[in-house]
């Protein structure tokens, strides 16, 4: 790893530690620089703003999640089981991370408001793995034919959005959230097995 990469990782680690303790809003670039024993001017050589640091942190987290999605999508077992595992693993990971580090939720909120394209990019990446599962389910006869896999994956994401950052939407316990997620997935999987005749509507 180059010196530049080492410095960038040092900044991200310092930012993560400070945000976990004080929150995103109460963390400043100068404080992060001080934690890294560098000048505030030097930190701007790597990140032009605090939101850029937050996005870089989120990208690191997402990269780990994408590896997990890929492993699940390409594993053996029924497609319905793999579909459940993707969303249950994501729920558990998100819930436990936020419970352990409550101030991380603030980062998710800020990114959702200030960097919606980044959030949409993450959903689009997730749909790649969902489509692997859906197409395999169709090929093996577990699911009915799907006219537009990406559209179907997008609608599944929309239906289950509550479980992505659960503490943003409710204060339910993890067992209760798992029960709700299972119920929603029961309906989704039943629909995938039966098939849906309606085609995606054109956006106006």
Protein backbone atom coordinates (compact mmCIF):
# COMPACT_ATOMS: atom_id res chain seq x y z
CA UNK A 1 0.00 0.00 0.00
CA UNK A 2 1.34 3.46 -0.93
CA UNK A 3 1.98 6.25 1.56
CA UNK A 4 -0.98 8.13 0.04
CA UNK A 5 -3.28 5.14 0.59
CA UNK A 6 -1.96 4.72 4.13
CA UNK A 7 -2.73 8.37 4.92
CA UNK A 8 -6.20 8.10 3.42
CA UNK A 9 -6.95 5.03 5.54
CA UNK A 10 -5.61 6.81 8.61
CA UNK A 11 -7.99 9.71 8.00
CA UNK A 12 -10.97 7.38 7.52
CA UNK A 13 -10.15 5.47 10.70
CA UNK A 14 -9.79 8.69 12.71
CA UNK A 15 -13.04 10.04 11.28
CA UNK A 16 -14.90 6.84 12.07
CA UNK A 17 -13.65 6.80 15.67
CA UNK A 18 -14.59 10.44 16.23
CA UNK A 19 -18.01 10.15 14.58
CA UNK A 20 -18.82 7.02 16.58
CA UNK A 21 -18.11 8.96 19.78
CA UNK A 22 -19.39 12.48 19.02
CA UNK A 23 -21.64 12.09 15.99
CA UNK A 24 -21.34 13.42 12.46
CA UNK A 25 -22.70 16.89 13.21
CA UNK A 26 -20.28 17.53 16.08
CA UNK A 27 -17.22 16.30 14.19
CA UNK A 28 -15.10 18.83 12.30
CA UNK A 29 -12.40 18.42 9.67
CA UNK A 30 -9.88 20.19 11.94
CA UNK A 31 -10.58 17.70 14.75
CA UNK A 32 -10.08 14.76 12.39
CA UNK A 33 -6.82 16.33 11.20
CA UNK A 34 -5.67 16.79 14.80
CA UNK A 35 -6.42 13.11 15.55
CA UNK A 36 -4.21 12.22 12.57
CA UNK A 37 -1.45 14.58 13.76
CA UNK A 38 -1.63 16.58 10.55
CA UNK A 39 -2.70 20.06 9.54
CA UNK A 40 -6.27 20.82 8.51
CA UNK A 41 -4.92 21.96 5.15
CA UNK A 42 -3.28 18.58 4.58
CA UNK A 43 -6.49 16.65 5.14
CA UNK A 44 -8.15 18.58 2.32
CA UNK A 45 -5.62 17.06 -0.08
CA UNK A 46 -7.43 13.75 0.43
CA UNK A 47 -11.04 14.78 1.09
CA UNK A 48 -12.60 18.07 -0.01
CA UNK A 49 -15.35 17.96 2.66
CA UNK A 50 -16.68 16.05 5.63
CA UNK A 51 -19.46 14.54 3.53
CA UNK A 52 -16.80 13.09 1.22
CA UNK A 53 -15.29 11.33 4.23
CA UNK A 54 -18.71 10.02 5.23
CA UNK A 55 -19.28 8.68 1.72
CA UNK A 56 -15.87 6.99 1.69
CA UNK A 57 -16.71 5.33 5.01
CA UNK A 58 -20.02 4.12 3.60
CA UNK A 59 -18.30 2.79 0.48
CA UNK A 60 -16.00 0.68 2.63
CA UNK A 61 -19.01 -0.75 4.47
CA UNK A 62 -20.87 -1.39 1.21
CA UNK A 63 -17.91 -3.19 -0.33
CA UNK A 64 -18.06 -5.74 2.48
CA UNK A 65 -21.81 -6.12 2.03
CA UNK A 66 -21.44 -6.65 -1.73
CA UNK A 67 -18.98 -9.48 -1.08
CA UNK A 68 -21.52 -11.07 1.23
CA UNK A 69 -24.34 -10.63 -1.33
CA UNK A 70 -22.20 -12.20 -4.05
CA UNK A 71 -21.38 -15.21 -1.89
CA UNK A 72 -25.06 -15.76 -1.03
CA UNK A 73 -26.28 -15.23 -4.60
CA UNK A 74 -23.87 -17.84 -5.99
CA UNK A 75 -24.30 -20.39 -3.22
CA UNK A 76 -26.30 -23.61 -3.44
CA UNK A 77 -29.83 -23.95 -2.15
CA UNK A 78 -33.28 -22.78 -3.24
CA UNK A 79 -33.51 -19.27 -4.66
CA UNK A 80 -36.19 -18.37 -2.12
CA UNK A 81 -33.85 -19.35 0.70
CA UNK A 82 -31.04 -17.21 -0.73
CA UNK A 83 -33.41 -14.27 -1.18
CA UNK A 84 -34.39 -14.53 2.48
CA UNK A 85 -30.77 -14.75 3.54
CA UNK A 86 -29.76 -11.56 1.70
CA UNK A 87 -32.40 -9.47 3.43
CA UNK A 88 -32.17 -11.16 6.83
CA UNK A 89 -28.38 -10.82 6.91
CA UNK A 90 -28.67 -7.17 5.88
CA UNK A 91 -31.29 -6.50 8.57
CA UNK A 92 -29.20 -8.15 11.28
CA UNK A 93 -26.00 -6.41 10.21
CA UNK A 94 -27.64 -2.97 10.01
CA UNK A 95 -29.60 -3.33 13.24
CA UNK A 96 -26.68 -4.59 15.31
CA UNK A 97 -24.26 -2.01 13.88
CA UNK A 98 -26.61 0.85 14.73
CA UNK A 99 -27.37 -0.54 18.19
CA UNK A 100 -23.65 -0.86 18.86
CA UNK A 101 -22.71 2.48 17.30
CA UNK A 102 -25.87 4.60 17.45
CA UNK A 103 -24.25 7.69 15.94
CA UNK A 104 -23.58 5.84 12.68
CA UNK A 105 -27.29 6.30 11.94
CA UNK A 106 -26.60 10.02 11.63
CA UNK A 107 -24.18 9.31 8.78
CA UNK A 108 -26.83 7.29 6.95
CA UNK A 109 -29.35 10.12 7.35
CA UNK A 110 -26.92 12.76 6.07
CA UNK A 111 -25.89 10.66 3.07
CA UNK A 112 -29.55 10.04 2.24
CA UNK A 113 -30.21 13.78 2.21
CA UNK A 114 -27.00 15.11 0.68
CA UNK A 115 -25.84 12.23 -1.52
CA UNK A 116 -28.99 10.53 -2.87
CA UNK A 117 -27.12 9.43 -6.00
CA UNK A 118 -24.71 7.47 -3.81
CA UNK A 119 -27.61 5.73 -2.09
CA UNK A 120 -29.21 4.93 -5.46
CA UNK A 121 -25.89 3.58 -6.72
CA UNK A 122 -25.80 1.17 -3.80
CA UNK A 123 -29.32 -0.07 -4.50
CA UNK A 124 -28.43 -0.60 -8.17
CA UNK A 125 -25.39 -2.66 -7.18
CA UNK A 126 -27.52 -4.76 -4.84
CA UNK A 127 -29.97 -5.47 -7.68
CA UNK A 128 -27.20 -7.22 -9.60
CA UNK A 129 -27.03 -9.90 -6.92
CA UNK A 130 -30.80 -10.06 -6.51
CA UNK A 131 -31.13 -10.69 -10.25
CA UNK A 132 -28.65 -13.57 -10.02
CA UNK A 133 -30.94 -15.18 -7.46
CA UNK A 134 -34.16 -14.40 -9.33
CA UNK A 135 -32.88 -15.63 -12.69
CA UNK A 136 -31.55 -18.82 -11.13
CA UNK A 137 -34.94 -19.37 -9.49
CA UNK A 138 -36.66 -19.00 -12.87
CA UNK A 139 -34.16 -21.28 -14.62
CA UNK A 140 -34.70 -24.04 -12.06
CA UNK A 141 -38.49 -23.69 -12.14
CA UNK A 142 -38.81 -22.37 -8.61
CA UNK A 143 -40.10 -18.97 -9.78
CA UNK A 144 -42.41 -18.14 -12.66
CA UNK A 145 -40.86 -16.36 -15.67
CA UNK A 146 -39.96 -12.72 -15.01
CA UNK A 147 -40.37 -10.13 -17.76
CA UNK A 148 -37.92 -7.61 -16.30
CA UNK A 149 -35.56 -8.87 -13.59
CA UNK A 150 -34.18 -5.45 -12.68
CA UNK A 151 -37.69 -4.02 -12.27
CA UNK A 152 -38.72 -6.98 -10.08
CA UNK A 153 -35.60 -6.60 -7.93
CA UNK A 154 -36.27 -2.86 -7.59
CA UNK A 155 -39.86 -3.48 -6.43
CA UNK A 156 -38.64 -6.05 -3.88
CA UNK A 157 -36.19 -3.46 -2.53
CA UNK A 158 -38.98 -0.87 -2.33
CA UNK A 159 -41.26 -3.24 -0.45
CA UNK A 160 -38.55 -4.05 2.09
CA UNK A 161 -37.04 -0.57 2.51
CA UNK A 162 -38.19 -0.43 6.14
CA UNK A 163 -35.67 -3.11 7.03
CA UNK A 164 -32.63 -1.41 5.46
CA UNK A 165 -32.00 1.03 8.33
CA UNK A 166 -34.66 -0.26 10.75
CA UNK A 167 -34.04 2.25 13.53
CA UNK A 168 -34.86 5.05 11.09
CA UNK A 169 -38.40 3.75 10.71
CA UNK A 170 -39.33 2.09 14.00
CA UNK A 171 -38.20 1.10 17.46
CA UNK A 172 -39.18 -2.53 17.10
CA UNK A 173 -36.89 -5.18 18.54
CA UNK A 174 -34.82 -7.32 16.19
CA UNK A 175 -37.03 -10.43 16.73
CA UNK A 176 -40.16 -8.43 15.84
CA UNK A 177 -38.46 -6.97 12.78
CA UNK A 178 -37.41 -10.46 11.68
CA UNK A 179 -41.01 -11.62 12.05
CA UNK A 180 -42.24 -8.74 9.89
CA UNK A 181 -39.52 -9.34 7.31
CA UNK A 182 -40.41 -13.02 7.11
CA UNK A 183 -44.07 -12.14 6.57
CA UNK A 184 -43.24 -9.67 3.81
CA UNK A 185 -40.91 -12.18 2.16
CA UNK A 186 -43.61 -14.88 2.34
CA UNK A 187 -45.87 -12.67 0.23
CA UNK A 188 -43.07 -11.69 -2.19
CA UNK A 189 -41.93 -15.28 -2.71
CA UNK A 190 -45.52 -16.47 -3.22
CA UNK A 191 -45.86 -13.82 -5.92
CA UNK A 192 -42.60 -14.90 -7.56
CA UNK A 193 -43.78 -18.51 -7.64
CA UNK A 194 -47.21 -17.63 -9.02
CA UNK A 195 -45.99 -15.03 -11.50
CA UNK A 196 -47.16 -11.50 -12.21
CA UNK A 197 -48.78 -10.70 -15.53
CA UNK A 198 -48.51 -6.92 -15.21
CA UNK A 199 -45.53 -5.37 -16.98
CA UNK A 200 -43.63 -2.36 -15.66
CA UNK A 201 -45.50 0.89 -16.24
CA UNK A 202 -43.85 3.66 -18.18
CA UNK A 203 -42.76 6.54 -15.97
CA UNK A 204 -44.48 9.86 -16.67
